[in-house]
């Protein structure tokens, strides 16, 4: 399998969105009275993991989903406080030196705010990393991932079959497949298993494991 292009999901792959959620639930003045004492391992009890997402998501809260999501997105002190996972910068730099073309891909409520945040978060690698964001609802799909991928193939002259999408969300695995790219699933302690029909998709626990998978199972020529 020939791979030349890597599309990184940011939240849950490069940056620790779960950290941001925990900080938000336990420290936001509106929600701290109820959730201020929850433990890290209790996050899935507050935000049940939906089979569609396969990962923590504020929208899955049974009563407050839309409200939580809105308040999180409009609270920069929490929204922008999601640290990079270990070794992200080092791995992205190594893959760049190896000749891989790399992109990040995010659907967001405010493109300008998210791009500004990502350019700060990933400042060490923006000389080669292309940051792509799209407004929620611009395309028909839930996260616009499939449309974003197709748009990038066209704009940057990429071949779908030479592209891999690294993402933690289950429904984005379908987006990669339907666009013609190869999916790789990122796991963390709160992600759920893939459905049987997607059980063939490679899974990794961090960017270093992804790099090792890439070197072992793909070529660039």
C-alpha atoms as a PDB file:
ATOM      1  CA  UNK A   1       0.000   0.000   0.000  1.00  0.00           C
ATOM      2  CA  UNK A   2       1.447   3.344  -1.103  1.00  0.00           C
ATOM      3  CA  UNK A   3       0.875   6.288   1.257  1.00  0.00           C
ATOM      4  CA  UNK A   4       2.111   9.810   0.585  1.00  0.00           C
ATOM      5  CA  UNK A   5      -0.430  11.966   2.445  1.00  0.00           C
ATOM      6  CA  UNK A   6      -1.494  11.951   6.090  1.00  0.00           C
ATOM      7  CA  UNK A   7      -4.607  13.696   7.360  1.00  0.00           C
ATOM      8  CA  UNK A   8      -4.575  14.033  11.141  1.00  0.00           C
ATOM      9  CA  UNK A   9      -7.727  14.603  13.106  1.00  0.00           C
ATOM     10  CA  UNK A  10      -6.760  17.006  15.890  1.00  0.00           C
ATOM     11  CA  UNK A  11      -9.070  16.327  18.835  1.00  0.00           C
ATOM     12  CA  UNK A  12      -8.448  12.885  20.266  1.00  0.00           C
ATOM     13  CA  UNK A  13      -5.487  12.212  17.953  1.00  0.00           C
ATOM     14  CA  UNK A  14      -2.982  15.064  18.252  1.00  0.00           C
ATOM     15  CA  UNK A  15      -4.583  16.979  21.135  1.00  0.00           C
ATOM     16  CA  UNK A  16      -6.196  15.700  24.317  1.00  0.00           C
ATOM     17  CA  UNK A  17      -9.829  16.753  23.989  1.00  0.00           C
ATOM     18  CA  UNK A  18     -10.757  14.565  26.976  1.00  0.00           C
ATOM     19  CA  UNK A  19      -8.515  16.764  29.142  1.00  0.00           C
ATOM     20  CA  UNK A  20     -10.414  19.824  27.912  1.00  0.00           C
ATOM     21  CA  UNK A  21     -13.761  18.172  28.645  1.00  0.00           C
ATOM     22  CA  UNK A  22     -12.713  17.193  32.164  1.00  0.00           C
ATOM     23  CA  UNK A  23     -11.394  20.669  32.885  1.00  0.00           C
ATOM     24  CA  UNK A  24     -14.592  22.219  31.525  1.00  0.00           C
ATOM     25  CA  UNK A  25     -16.978  19.991  33.490  1.00  0.00           C
ATOM     26  CA  UNK A  26     -15.119  20.308  36.775  1.00  0.00           C
ATOM     27  CA  UNK A  27     -14.166  24.004  36.652  1.00  0.00           C
ATOM     28  CA  UNK A  28     -16.725  25.904  34.589  1.00  0.00           C
ATOM     29  CA  UNK A  29     -18.804  27.921  37.101  1.00  0.00           C
ATOM     30  CA  UNK A  30     -22.038  26.701  35.548  1.00  0.00           C
ATOM     31  CA  UNK A  31     -21.171  22.987  35.780  1.00  0.00           C
ATOM     32  CA  UNK A  32     -18.652  22.738  38.618  1.00  0.00           C
ATOM     33  CA  UNK A  33     -21.376  22.572  41.314  1.00  0.00           C
ATOM     34  CA  UNK A  34     -22.604  19.317  39.750  1.00  0.00           C
ATOM     35  CA  UNK A  35     -19.442  17.827  38.286  1.00  0.00           C
ATOM     36  CA  UNK A  36     -16.626  19.435  40.265  1.00  0.00           C
ATOM     37  CA  UNK A  37     -15.879  16.263  42.202  1.00  0.00           C
ATOM     38  CA  UNK A  38     -15.967  13.680  39.414  1.00  0.00           C
ATOM     39  CA  UNK A  39     -12.851  11.627  38.829  1.00  0.00           C
ATOM     40  CA  UNK A  40     -11.091  11.345  35.466  1.00  0.00           C
ATOM     41  CA  UNK A  41     -12.226   7.737  35.065  1.00  0.00           C
ATOM     42  CA  UNK A  42     -15.847   8.832  35.554  1.00  0.00           C
ATOM     43  CA  UNK A  43     -15.974  10.859  32.335  1.00  0.00           C
ATOM     44  CA  UNK A  44     -17.853   8.121  30.393  1.00  0.00           C
ATOM     45  CA  UNK A  45     -20.505   8.090  33.121  1.00  0.00           C
ATOM     46  CA  UNK A  46     -21.192  11.775  32.465  1.00  0.00           C
ATOM     47  CA  UNK A  47     -20.715  11.589  28.694  1.00  0.00           C
ATOM     48  CA  UNK A  48     -21.912   8.136  27.598  1.00  0.00           C
ATOM     49  CA  UNK A  49     -19.967   6.940  24.568  1.00  0.00           C
ATOM     50  CA  UNK A  50     -22.311   6.706  21.606  1.00  0.00           C
ATOM     51  CA  UNK A  51     -21.766   3.851  19.116  1.00  0.00           C
ATOM     52  CA  UNK A  52     -21.786   6.494  16.402  1.00  0.00           C
ATOM     53  CA  UNK A  53     -18.908   8.470  17.904  1.00  0.00           C
ATOM     54  CA  UNK A  54     -16.957   5.748  19.692  1.00  0.00           C
ATOM     55  CA  UNK A  55     -15.362   8.447  21.860  1.00  0.00           C
ATOM     56  CA  UNK A  56     -16.334  11.043  24.459  1.00  0.00           C
ATOM     57  CA  UNK A  57     -18.535  13.804  23.117  1.00  0.00           C
ATOM     58  CA  UNK A  58     -20.371  16.575  24.963  1.00  0.00           C
ATOM     59  CA  UNK A  59     -23.387  16.159  22.704  1.00  0.00           C
ATOM     60  CA  UNK A  60     -23.997  12.661  24.093  1.00  0.00           C
ATOM     61  CA  UNK A  61     -24.964  13.945  27.546  1.00  0.00           C
ATOM     62  CA  UNK A  62     -28.554  12.694  27.934  1.00  0.00           C
ATOM     63  CA  UNK A  63     -30.046  16.001  29.094  1.00  0.00           C
ATOM     64  CA  UNK A  64     -27.532  18.797  28.582  1.00  0.00           C
ATOM     65  CA  UNK A  65     -25.783  17.791  25.368  1.00  0.00           C
ATOM     66  CA  UNK A  66     -26.539  20.835  23.219  1.00  0.00           C
ATOM     67  CA  UNK A  67     -26.081  23.217  26.157  1.00  0.00           C
ATOM     68  CA  UNK A  68     -22.729  21.718  27.164  1.00  0.00           C
ATOM     69  CA  UNK A  69     -21.460  21.826  23.598  1.00  0.00           C
ATOM     70  CA  UNK A  70     -22.493  25.460  23.154  1.00  0.00           C
ATOM     71  CA  UNK A  71     -20.957  26.607  26.440  1.00  0.00           C
ATOM     72  CA  UNK A  72     -17.723  24.711  25.772  1.00  0.00           C
ATOM     73  CA  UNK A  73     -17.345  26.183  22.295  1.00  0.00           C
ATOM     74  CA  UNK A  74     -17.991  29.689  23.644  1.00  0.00           C
ATOM     75  CA  UNK A  75     -15.581  29.455  26.590  1.00  0.00           C
ATOM     76  CA  UNK A  76     -12.086  30.030  25.143  1.00  0.00           C
ATOM     77  CA  UNK A  77     -10.383  29.341  28.469  1.00  0.00           C
ATOM     78  CA  UNK A  78     -11.636  25.744  28.247  1.00  0.00           C
ATOM     79  CA  UNK A  79     -12.022  25.289  24.488  1.00  0.00           C
ATOM     80  CA  UNK A  80      -8.391  26.260  23.848  1.00  0.00           C
ATOM     81  CA  UNK A  81      -6.948  24.352  26.785  1.00  0.00           C
ATOM     82  CA  UNK A  82      -6.289  20.951  25.207  1.00  0.00           C
ATOM     83  CA  UNK A  83      -2.613  19.977  25.295  1.00  0.00           C
ATOM     84  CA  UNK A  84      -0.880  17.998  22.599  1.00  0.00           C
ATOM     85  CA  UNK A  85      -0.321  14.329  23.344  1.00  0.00           C
ATOM     86  CA  UNK A  86       3.286  13.222  23.950  1.00  0.00           C
ATOM     87  CA  UNK A  87       5.651  13.010  20.952  1.00  0.00           C
ATOM     88  CA  UNK A  88       3.293  14.723  18.504  1.00  0.00           C
ATOM     89  CA  UNK A  89       5.722  17.428  17.382  1.00  0.00           C
ATOM     90  CA  UNK A  90       8.617  14.990  17.084  1.00  0.00           C
ATOM     91  CA  UNK A  91       6.639  12.496  15.016  1.00  0.00           C
ATOM     92  CA  UNK A  92       5.203  15.126  12.677  1.00  0.00           C
ATOM     93  CA  UNK A  93       8.697  16.521  12.089  1.00  0.00           C
ATOM     94  CA  UNK A  94      10.109  13.064  11.396  1.00  0.00           C
ATOM     95  CA  UNK A  95       7.337  12.239   8.934  1.00  0.00           C
ATOM     96  CA  UNK A  96       7.913  15.554   7.188  1.00  0.00           C
ATOM     97  CA  UNK A  97      11.613  14.724   6.832  1.00  0.00           C
ATOM     98  CA  UNK A  98      10.581  11.387   5.323  1.00  0.00           C
ATOM     99  CA  UNK A  99       8.620  13.242   2.660  1.00  0.00           C
ATOM    100  CA  UNK A 100       5.017  12.747   3.793  1.00  0.00           C
ATOM    101  CA  UNK A 101       2.589  15.573   3.101  1.00  0.00           C
ATOM    102  CA  UNK A 102       0.615  16.302   6.270  1.00  0.00           C
ATOM    103  CA  UNK A 103      -2.670  18.032   7.026  1.00  0.00           C
ATOM    104  CA  UNK A 104      -4.923  18.534  10.021  1.00  0.00           C
ATOM    105  CA  UNK A 105      -8.657  18.469   9.567  1.00  0.00           C
ATOM    106  CA  UNK A 106     -11.285  19.958  11.869  1.00  0.00           C
ATOM    107  CA  UNK A 107     -14.965  20.809  11.594  1.00  0.00           C
ATOM    108  CA  UNK A 108     -15.812  23.579  14.029  1.00  0.00           C
ATOM    109  CA  UNK A 109     -18.389  26.170  15.081  1.00  0.00           C
ATOM    110  CA  UNK A 110     -16.003  29.049  14.275  1.00  0.00           C
ATOM    111  CA  UNK A 111     -13.344  28.525  11.620  1.00  0.00           C
ATOM    112  CA  UNK A 112     -11.369  31.665  12.456  1.00  0.00           C
ATOM    113  CA  UNK A 113     -11.192  30.826  16.176  1.00  0.00           C
ATOM    114  CA  UNK A 114     -10.235  27.182  15.579  1.00  0.00           C
ATOM    115  CA  UNK A 115      -7.571  28.034  12.998  1.00  0.00           C
ATOM    116  CA  UNK A 116      -6.032  30.627  15.299  1.00  0.00           C
ATOM    117  CA  UNK A 117      -5.978  28.090  18.131  1.00  0.00           C
ATOM    118  CA  UNK A 118      -4.458  25.350  15.959  1.00  0.00           C
ATOM    119  CA  UNK A 119      -1.800  27.650  14.562  1.00  0.00           C
ATOM    120  CA  UNK A 120      -0.764  28.440  18.132  1.00  0.00           C
ATOM    121  CA  UNK A 121      -0.988  24.845  19.359  1.00  0.00           C
ATOM    122  CA  UNK A 122       1.004  23.509  16.396  1.00  0.00           C
ATOM    123  CA  UNK A 123       3.262  26.526  15.890  1.00  0.00           C
ATOM    124  CA  UNK A 124       6.401  24.381  15.724  1.00  0.00           C
ATOM    125  CA  UNK A 125       5.218  22.548  12.621  1.00  0.00           C
ATOM    126  CA  UNK A 126       3.123  25.061  10.678  1.00  0.00           C
ATOM    127  CA  UNK A 127       5.971  25.540   8.213  1.00  0.00           C
ATOM    128  CA  UNK A 128       4.988  22.212   6.651  1.00  0.00           C
ATOM    129  CA  UNK A 129       1.640  21.218   8.231  1.00  0.00           C
ATOM    130  CA  UNK A 130      -1.446  22.406   6.338  1.00  0.00           C
ATOM    131  CA  UNK A 131      -4.287  23.284   8.719  1.00  0.00           C
ATOM    132  CA  UNK A 132      -7.780  22.785   7.324  1.00  0.00           C
ATOM    133  CA  UNK A 133     -10.989  23.800   9.104  1.00  0.00           C
ATOM    134  CA  UNK A 134     -14.580  23.959   7.940  1.00  0.00           C
ATOM    135  CA  UNK A 135     -17.732  25.419   9.446  1.00  0.00           C
ATOM    136  CA  UNK A 136     -20.193  22.901  10.884  1.00  0.00           C
ATOM    137  CA  UNK A 137     -23.113  22.536   8.516  1.00  0.00           C
ATOM    138  CA  UNK A 138     -21.325  23.771   5.390  1.00  0.00           C
ATOM    139  CA  UNK A 139     -21.620  20.325   3.856  1.00  0.00           C
ATOM    140  CA  UNK A 140     -24.341  17.716   4.178  1.00  0.00           C
ATOM    141  CA  UNK A 141     -22.428  15.246   6.327  1.00  0.00           C
ATOM    142  CA  UNK A 142     -22.379  15.479  10.094  1.00  0.00           C
ATOM    143  CA  UNK A 143     -18.737  16.531  10.403  1.00  0.00           C
ATOM    144  CA  UNK A 144     -18.081  17.359   6.748  1.00  0.00           C
ATOM    145  CA  UNK A 145     -15.037  15.075   6.864  1.00  0.00           C
ATOM    146  CA  UNK A 146     -15.806  13.230   3.641  1.00  0.00           C
ATOM    147  CA  UNK A 147     -16.454  16.452   1.741  1.00  0.00           C
ATOM    148  CA  UNK A 148     -13.364  18.068   3.243  1.00  0.00           C
ATOM    149  CA  UNK A 149     -11.210  15.149   2.155  1.00  0.00           C
ATOM    150  CA  UNK A 150     -12.562  15.250  -1.389  1.00  0.00           C
ATOM    151  CA  UNK A 151     -12.095  19.010  -1.520  1.00  0.00           C
ATOM    152  CA  UNK A 152      -8.477  18.685  -0.370  1.00  0.00           C
ATOM    153  CA  UNK A 153      -7.723  15.967  -2.910  1.00  0.00           C
ATOM    154  CA  UNK A 154      -8.823  18.377  -5.613  1.00  0.00           C
ATOM    155  CA  UNK A 155      -7.208  21.549  -4.256  1.00  0.00           C
ATOM    156  CA  UNK A 156      -3.840  19.985  -3.433  1.00  0.00           C
ATOM    157  CA  UNK A 157      -3.643  17.480  -6.257  1.00  0.00           C
ATOM    158  CA  UNK A 158      -3.705  14.425  -3.988  1.00  0.00           C
ATOM    159  CA  UNK A 159      -4.695  10.872  -4.799  1.00  0.00           C
ATOM    160  CA  UNK A 160      -7.225   9.407  -2.378  1.00  0.00           C
ATOM    161  CA  UNK A 161      -5.665   5.948  -2.584  1.00  0.00           C
ATOM    162  CA  UNK A 162      -2.331   7.433  -1.418  1.00  0.00           C
ATOM    163  CA  UNK A 163      -3.941   9.083   1.617  1.00  0.00           C
ATOM    164  CA  UNK A 164      -4.535   7.955   5.197  1.00  0.00           C
ATOM    165  CA  UNK A 165      -6.899   9.559   7.724  1.00  0.00           C
ATOM    166  CA  UNK A 166      -5.985   9.098  11.393  1.00  0.00           C
ATOM    167  CA  UNK A 167      -9.114   9.663  13.473  1.00  0.00           C
ATOM    168  CA  UNK A 168     -10.655   8.468  16.733  1.00  0.00           C
ATOM    169  CA  UNK A 169     -14.342   8.856  15.805  1.00  0.00           C
ATOM    170  CA  UNK A 170     -16.072   5.830  14.341  1.00  0.00           C
ATOM    171  CA  UNK A 171     -18.214   7.704  11.842  1.00  0.00           C
ATOM    172  CA  UNK A 172     -15.123   9.360  10.407  1.00  0.00           C
ATOM    173  CA  UNK A 173     -13.754   5.931   9.495  1.00  0.00           C
ATOM    174  CA  UNK A 174     -16.665   5.717   7.067  1.00  0.00           C
ATOM    175  CA  UNK A 175     -15.804   9.191   5.747  1.00  0.00           C
ATOM    176  CA  UNK A 176     -12.258   8.054   4.964  1.00  0.00           C
ATOM    177  CA  UNK A 177     -13.449   4.878   3.253  1.00  0.00           C
ATOM    178  CA  UNK A 178     -16.178   6.604   1.240  1.00  0.00           C
ATOM    179  CA  UNK A 179     -13.731   9.258   0.026  1.00  0.00           C
ATOM    180  CA  UNK A 180     -11.290   6.579  -1.140  1.00  0.00           C
ATOM    181  CA  UNK A 181      -8.688   7.053   1.627  1.00  0.00           C
ATOM    182  CA  UNK A 182      -7.316   4.518   4.095  1.00  0.00           C
ATOM    183  CA  UNK A 183      -8.591   4.801   7.691  1.00  0.00           C
ATOM    184  CA  UNK A 184      -6.534   4.282  10.847  1.00  0.00           C
ATOM    185  CA  UNK A 185      -8.267   4.440  14.223  1.00  0.00           C
ATOM    186  CA  UNK A 186      -6.709   6.169  17.212  1.00  0.00           C
ATOM    187  CA  UNK A 187      -7.659   4.678  20.576  1.00  0.00           C
ATOM    188  CA  UNK A 188      -7.555   6.065  24.097  1.00  0.00           C
ATOM    189  CA  UNK A 189      -8.871   4.834  27.422  1.00  0.00           C
ATOM    190  CA  UNK A 190     -12.389   6.077  26.632  1.00  0.00           C
ATOM    191  CA  UNK A 191     -12.864   4.912  23.039  1.00  0.00           C
ATOM    192  CA  UNK A 192     -15.192   2.009  22.293  1.00  0.00           C
ATOM    193  CA  UNK A 193     -14.508  -0.899  19.940  1.00  0.00           C
ATOM    194  CA  UNK A 194     -15.185  -0.645  16.236  1.00  0.00           C
ATOM    195  CA  UNK A 195     -18.316  -2.334  14.901  1.00  0.00           C
ATOM    196  CA  UNK A 196     -17.754  -5.743  13.347  1.00  0.00           C
ATOM    197  CA  UNK A 197     -17.978  -4.409   9.806  1.00  0.00           C
ATOM    198  CA  UNK A 198     -15.030  -2.079  10.496  1.00  0.00           C
ATOM    199  CA  UNK A 199     -12.954  -4.524  12.542  1.00  0.00           C
ATOM    200  CA  UNK A 200     -10.360  -4.720   9.748  1.00  0.00           C
ATOM    201  CA  UNK A 201      -9.284  -1.096  10.326  1.00  0.00           C
ATOM    202  CA  UNK A 202      -5.840  -0.780  11.978  1.00  0.00           C
ATOM    203  CA  UNK A 203      -5.929   0.688  15.482  1.00  0.00           C
ATOM    204  CA  UNK A 204      -3.104   2.502  17.278  1.00  0.00           C
ATOM    205  CA  UNK A 205      -2.826   4.046  20.737  1.00  0.00           C
ATOM    206  CA  UNK A 206      -0.635   7.060  19.955  1.00  0.00           C
ATOM    207  CA  UNK A 207       1.250   8.830  17.190  1.00  0.00           C
ATOM    208  CA  UNK A 208       4.394   6.775  17.740  1.00  0.00           C
ATOM    209  CA  UNK A 209       2.446   3.552  17.185  1.00  0.00           C
ATOM    210  CA  UNK A 210       0.949   5.088  14.048  1.00  0.00           C
ATOM    211  CA  UNK A 211       4.403   5.968  12.735  1.00  0.00           C
ATOM    212  CA  UNK A 212       5.581   2.411  13.355  1.00  0.00           C
ATOM    213  CA  UNK A 213       2.490   1.014  11.613  1.00  0.00           C
ATOM    214  CA  UNK A 214       3.079   3.331   8.663  1.00  0.00           C
ATOM    215  CA  UNK A 215       6.716   2.303   8.226  1.00  0.00           C
ATOM    216  CA  UNK A 216       5.918  -1.381   8.545  1.00  0.00           C
ATOM    217  CA  UNK A 217       2.796  -1.641   6.377  1.00  0.00           C
ATOM    218  CA  UNK A 218       3.119   1.020   3.664  1.00  0.00           C
ATOM    219  CA  UNK A 219       5.529   2.443   1.125  1.00  0.00           C
ATOM    220  CA  UNK A 220       5.896   5.863  -0.495  1.00  0.00           C
ATOM    221  CA  UNK A 221       6.725   4.522  -3.963  1.00  0.00           C
END
